[in-house]
């Protein structure tokens, strides 16, 4: 509804747009958010099929909502805020 759309924060709207770009590929995934997760974003995530989230922070309200997802088994990770990757990143594949 137009009223619901007006209540979306920039973070919630960005997540919705990214998720809806290809909703069929998102089962069994982790959400990665580049800003603090707020309550409107948590309310969207609450309804989505997902195994976890990583973000630089969470509002108190958002954290309470996400803690209840999947019966408390939803994985909530906080990214290191001052992480700076090296000039070259690599991965070993066996």
N, C-alpha and C. Protein backbone atom coordinates (compact mmCIF):
# COMPACT_ATOMS: atom_id res chain seq x y z
N UNK A 1 0.84 -1.18 0.00
CA UNK A 1 0.00 0.00 0.00
C UNK A 1 0.89 1.24 0.00
N UNK A 2 0.37 2.35 -0.47
CA UNK A 2 1.16 3.59 -0.45
C UNK A 2 1.56 4.01 0.97
N UNK A 3 0.69 3.75 1.94
CA UNK A 3 1.01 4.11 3.33
C UNK A 3 2.19 3.29 3.84
N UNK A 4 2.18 2.00 3.53
CA UNK A 4 3.29 1.13 3.96
C UNK A 4 4.59 1.54 3.28
N UNK A 5 4.52 1.91 2.02
CA UNK A 5 5.72 2.33 1.30
C UNK A 5 6.32 3.59 1.90
N UNK A 6 5.49 4.50 2.36
CA UNK A 6 5.98 5.74 2.98
C UNK A 6 6.68 5.48 4.30
N UNK A 7 6.34 4.38 4.97
CA UNK A 7 6.92 4.06 6.27
C UNK A 7 8.29 3.39 6.14
N UNK A 8 8.69 3.01 4.93
CA UNK A 8 9.97 2.33 4.74
C UNK A 8 11.13 3.30 4.91
N UNK A 9 12.15 2.87 5.62
CA UNK A 9 13.37 3.65 5.75
C UNK A 9 14.25 3.38 4.53
N UNK A 10 15.27 4.18 4.29
CA UNK A 10 16.16 3.92 3.16
C UNK A 10 16.78 2.51 3.21
N UNK A 11 17.14 2.04 4.41
CA UNK A 11 17.73 0.71 4.55
C UNK A 11 16.71 -0.36 4.17
N UNK A 12 15.48 -0.23 4.67
CA UNK A 12 14.43 -1.20 4.37
C UNK A 12 14.11 -1.23 2.88
N UNK A 13 14.04 -0.07 2.28
CA UNK A 13 13.74 0.02 0.84
C UNK A 13 14.86 -0.60 0.01
N UNK A 14 16.10 -0.34 0.37
CA UNK A 14 17.23 -0.93 -0.36
C UNK A 14 17.21 -2.45 -0.25
N UNK A 15 16.92 -2.96 0.95
CA UNK A 15 16.85 -4.41 1.12
C UNK A 15 15.73 -5.00 0.27
N UNK A 16 14.57 -4.38 0.31
CA UNK A 16 13.42 -4.88 -0.47
C UNK A 16 13.72 -4.90 -1.96
N UNK A 17 14.32 -3.85 -2.46
CA UNK A 17 14.65 -3.78 -3.89
C UNK A 17 15.65 -4.87 -4.28
N UNK A 18 16.66 -5.06 -3.45
CA UNK A 18 17.66 -6.09 -3.75
C UNK A 18 17.03 -7.48 -3.68
N UNK A 19 16.24 -7.73 -2.66
CA UNK A 19 15.62 -9.05 -2.47
C UNK A 19 14.65 -9.37 -3.61
N UNK A 20 13.89 -8.38 -4.03
CA UNK A 20 12.89 -8.60 -5.07
C UNK A 20 13.48 -8.64 -6.48
N UNK A 21 14.76 -8.32 -6.62
CA UNK A 21 15.39 -8.41 -7.93
C UNK A 21 15.41 -9.86 -8.42
N UNK A 22 15.57 -10.80 -7.48
CA UNK A 22 15.56 -12.23 -7.82
C UNK A 22 15.12 -13.02 -6.60
N UNK A 23 13.83 -13.00 -6.28
CA UNK A 23 13.36 -13.62 -5.04
C UNK A 23 13.49 -15.15 -5.01
N UNK A 24 13.59 -15.80 -6.15
CA UNK A 24 13.67 -17.26 -6.16
C UNK A 24 15.05 -17.79 -5.74
N UNK A 25 16.07 -16.96 -5.82
CA UNK A 25 17.41 -17.44 -5.48
C UNK A 25 17.76 -17.21 -4.02
N UNK A 26 16.83 -16.75 -3.22
CA UNK A 26 17.17 -16.33 -1.87
C UNK A 26 16.89 -17.37 -0.79
N UNK A 27 16.52 -18.58 -1.14
CA UNK A 27 16.23 -19.58 -0.12
C UNK A 27 17.53 -20.14 0.45
N UNK A 28 17.60 -20.19 1.78
CA UNK A 28 18.79 -20.69 2.46
C UNK A 28 19.93 -19.70 2.41
N UNK A 29 19.63 -18.45 2.41
CA UNK A 29 20.66 -17.43 2.26
C UNK A 29 20.91 -16.68 3.56
N UNK A 30 21.89 -15.80 3.49
CA UNK A 30 22.16 -14.82 4.53
C UNK A 30 21.90 -13.45 3.91
N UNK A 31 21.31 -12.57 4.67
CA UNK A 31 21.15 -11.19 4.22
C UNK A 31 22.38 -10.42 4.67
N UNK A 32 22.91 -9.60 3.80
CA UNK A 32 24.04 -8.73 4.13
C UNK A 32 23.57 -7.29 3.95
N UNK A 33 23.61 -6.53 5.02
CA UNK A 33 23.14 -5.15 5.00
C UNK A 33 24.32 -4.25 5.36
N UNK A 34 24.52 -3.18 4.61
CA UNK A 34 25.70 -2.33 4.81
C UNK A 34 25.46 -1.18 5.77
N UNK A 35 24.32 -1.15 6.41
CA UNK A 35 24.00 -0.08 7.37
C UNK A 35 23.36 -0.73 8.59
N UNK A 36 23.15 0.04 9.61
CA UNK A 36 22.50 -0.47 10.82
C UNK A 36 21.08 -0.92 10.47
N UNK A 37 20.73 -2.11 10.91
CA UNK A 37 19.39 -2.66 10.65
C UNK A 37 18.41 -2.01 11.61
N UNK A 38 17.38 -1.40 11.06
CA UNK A 38 16.37 -0.73 11.87
C UNK A 38 15.11 -1.59 11.96
N UNK A 39 14.14 -1.13 12.72
CA UNK A 39 12.91 -1.89 12.92
C UNK A 39 12.16 -2.20 11.63
N UNK A 40 11.96 -1.22 10.72
CA UNK A 40 11.25 -1.56 9.47
C UNK A 40 11.96 -2.64 8.65
N UNK A 41 13.29 -2.61 8.64
CA UNK A 41 14.04 -3.63 7.91
C UNK A 41 13.88 -4.99 8.59
N UNK A 42 13.93 -5.02 9.91
CA UNK A 42 13.75 -6.26 10.65
C UNK A 42 12.35 -6.84 10.42
N UNK A 43 11.35 -5.99 10.31
CA UNK A 43 9.99 -6.48 10.06
C UNK A 43 9.89 -7.16 8.69
N UNK A 44 10.62 -6.64 7.71
CA UNK A 44 10.65 -7.27 6.38
C UNK A 44 11.38 -8.61 6.47
N UNK A 45 12.54 -8.61 7.11
CA UNK A 45 13.33 -9.83 7.26
C UNK A 45 12.58 -10.91 8.02
N UNK A 46 11.76 -10.50 8.95
CA UNK A 46 10.98 -11.44 9.76
C UNK A 46 10.12 -12.35 8.89
N UNK A 47 9.65 -11.82 7.78
CA UNK A 47 8.74 -12.56 6.89
C UNK A 47 9.46 -13.36 5.81
N UNK A 48 10.73 -13.07 5.57
CA UNK A 48 11.47 -13.69 4.48
C UNK A 48 12.11 -15.01 4.90
N UNK A 49 12.27 -15.92 3.95
CA UNK A 49 13.00 -17.16 4.19
C UNK A 49 14.48 -16.84 4.14
N UNK A 50 15.16 -17.02 5.24
CA UNK A 50 16.57 -16.69 5.34
C UNK A 50 17.15 -17.38 6.57
N UNK A 51 18.44 -17.70 6.52
CA UNK A 51 19.08 -18.37 7.64
C UNK A 51 19.79 -17.42 8.59
N UNK A 52 20.11 -16.22 8.12
CA UNK A 52 20.83 -15.31 8.99
C UNK A 52 21.07 -13.97 8.33
N UNK A 53 21.75 -13.11 9.09
CA UNK A 53 22.03 -11.76 8.62
C UNK A 53 23.38 -11.32 9.16
N UNK A 54 24.06 -10.48 8.40
CA UNK A 54 25.26 -9.80 8.86
C UNK A 54 25.10 -8.33 8.53
N UNK A 55 25.40 -7.48 9.51
CA UNK A 55 25.27 -6.03 9.36
C UNK A 55 26.21 -5.36 10.35
N UNK A 56 26.53 -4.08 10.13
CA UNK A 56 27.42 -3.38 11.06
C UNK A 56 26.77 -3.03 12.40
N UNK A 57 25.47 -3.23 12.52
CA UNK A 57 24.80 -2.95 13.78
C UNK A 57 23.30 -3.15 13.67
N UNK A 58 22.63 -3.10 14.80
CA UNK A 58 21.19 -3.35 14.88
C UNK A 58 20.59 -2.42 15.92
N UNK A 59 19.44 -1.84 15.61
CA UNK A 59 18.74 -1.09 16.65
C UNK A 59 18.23 -2.09 17.66
N UNK A 60 17.94 -1.64 18.87
CA UNK A 60 17.44 -2.53 19.92
C UNK A 60 16.15 -3.22 19.49
N UNK A 61 15.27 -2.47 18.83
CA UNK A 61 13.99 -3.03 18.37
C UNK A 61 14.21 -4.09 17.30
N UNK A 62 15.11 -3.81 16.38
CA UNK A 62 15.40 -4.76 15.30
C UNK A 62 15.98 -6.05 15.88
N UNK A 63 16.88 -5.91 16.83
CA UNK A 63 17.50 -7.08 17.42
C UNK A 63 16.47 -7.97 18.12
N UNK A 64 15.53 -7.38 18.81
CA UNK A 64 14.48 -8.16 19.48
C UNK A 64 13.61 -8.91 18.47
N UNK A 65 13.29 -8.27 17.36
CA UNK A 65 12.49 -8.91 16.31
C UNK A 65 13.25 -10.09 15.71
N UNK A 66 14.53 -9.87 15.38
CA UNK A 66 15.32 -10.90 14.71
C UNK A 66 15.65 -12.07 15.63
N UNK A 67 15.79 -11.81 16.91
CA UNK A 67 16.08 -12.89 17.87
C UNK A 67 14.96 -13.92 17.93
N UNK A 68 13.75 -13.52 17.61
CA UNK A 68 12.59 -14.42 17.67
C UNK A 68 12.38 -15.21 16.38
N UNK A 69 13.07 -14.82 15.31
CA UNK A 69 12.90 -15.48 14.01
C UNK A 69 13.43 -16.92 14.09
N UNK A 70 12.75 -17.82 13.43
CA UNK A 70 13.12 -19.24 13.38
C UNK A 70 13.25 -19.84 14.78
N UNK A 71 12.38 -19.43 15.68
CA UNK A 71 12.41 -19.98 17.04
C UNK A 71 13.71 -19.70 17.76
N UNK A 72 14.35 -18.57 17.46
CA UNK A 72 15.61 -18.20 18.09
C UNK A 72 16.84 -18.77 17.40
N UNK A 73 16.65 -19.46 16.28
CA UNK A 73 17.78 -20.08 15.58
C UNK A 73 18.27 -19.26 14.39
N UNK A 74 17.72 -18.08 14.18
CA UNK A 74 18.17 -17.18 13.12
C UNK A 74 19.54 -16.64 13.52
N UNK A 75 20.52 -16.75 12.65
CA UNK A 75 21.89 -16.35 12.97
C UNK A 75 22.05 -14.86 12.74
N UNK A 76 22.50 -14.15 13.77
CA UNK A 76 22.68 -12.69 13.70
C UNK A 76 24.15 -12.40 13.95
N UNK A 77 24.81 -11.86 12.94
CA UNK A 77 26.24 -11.53 13.04
C UNK A 77 26.43 -10.02 12.92
N UNK A 78 27.40 -9.52 13.67
CA UNK A 78 27.73 -8.10 13.56
C UNK A 78 29.09 -7.97 12.88
N UNK A 79 29.11 -7.21 11.80
CA UNK A 79 30.34 -7.01 11.03
C UNK A 79 31.30 -6.11 11.80
N UNK A 80 32.57 -6.31 11.55
CA UNK A 80 33.58 -5.45 12.15
C UNK A 80 33.52 -4.09 11.46
N UNK A 81 33.24 -3.06 12.24
CA UNK A 81 33.01 -1.73 11.65
C UNK A 81 34.27 -1.13 11.03
N UNK A 82 35.43 -1.42 11.59
CA UNK A 82 36.65 -0.79 11.08
C UNK A 82 37.49 -1.74 10.21
N UNK A 83 36.85 -2.78 9.66
CA UNK A 83 37.57 -3.73 8.81
C UNK A 83 38.04 -3.04 7.54
N UNK A 84 39.28 -3.28 7.21
CA UNK A 84 39.84 -2.74 5.98
C UNK A 84 40.54 -3.88 5.25
N UNK A 85 40.00 -4.32 4.12
CA UNK A 85 40.63 -5.43 3.41
C UNK A 85 41.98 -5.03 2.84
N UNK A 86 42.85 -6.01 2.67
CA UNK A 86 44.15 -5.74 2.05
C UNK A 86 43.98 -5.41 0.58
N UNK A 87 45.08 -5.07 -0.04
CA UNK A 87 45.04 -4.74 -1.46
C UNK A 87 44.65 -5.95 -2.30
N UNK A 88 45.07 -7.14 -1.85
CA UNK A 88 44.76 -8.37 -2.57
C UNK A 88 44.11 -9.34 -1.60
N UNK A 89 42.99 -9.90 -2.00
CA UNK A 89 42.34 -10.94 -1.22
C UNK A 89 42.39 -12.23 -2.01
N UNK A 90 42.56 -13.34 -1.34
CA UNK A 90 42.58 -14.63 -2.03
C UNK A 90 41.91 -15.68 -1.18
N UNK A 91 41.61 -16.80 -1.82
CA UNK A 91 40.97 -17.91 -1.14
C UNK A 91 41.56 -19.19 -1.70
N UNK A 92 41.86 -20.13 -0.79
CA UNK A 92 42.35 -21.43 -1.23
C UNK A 92 41.16 -22.34 -1.45
N UNK A 93 41.17 -23.03 -2.57
CA UNK A 93 40.11 -23.99 -2.89
C UNK A 93 40.77 -25.36 -3.02
N UNK A 94 40.26 -26.30 -2.28
CA UNK A 94 40.84 -27.65 -2.30
C UNK A 94 40.16 -28.51 -3.31
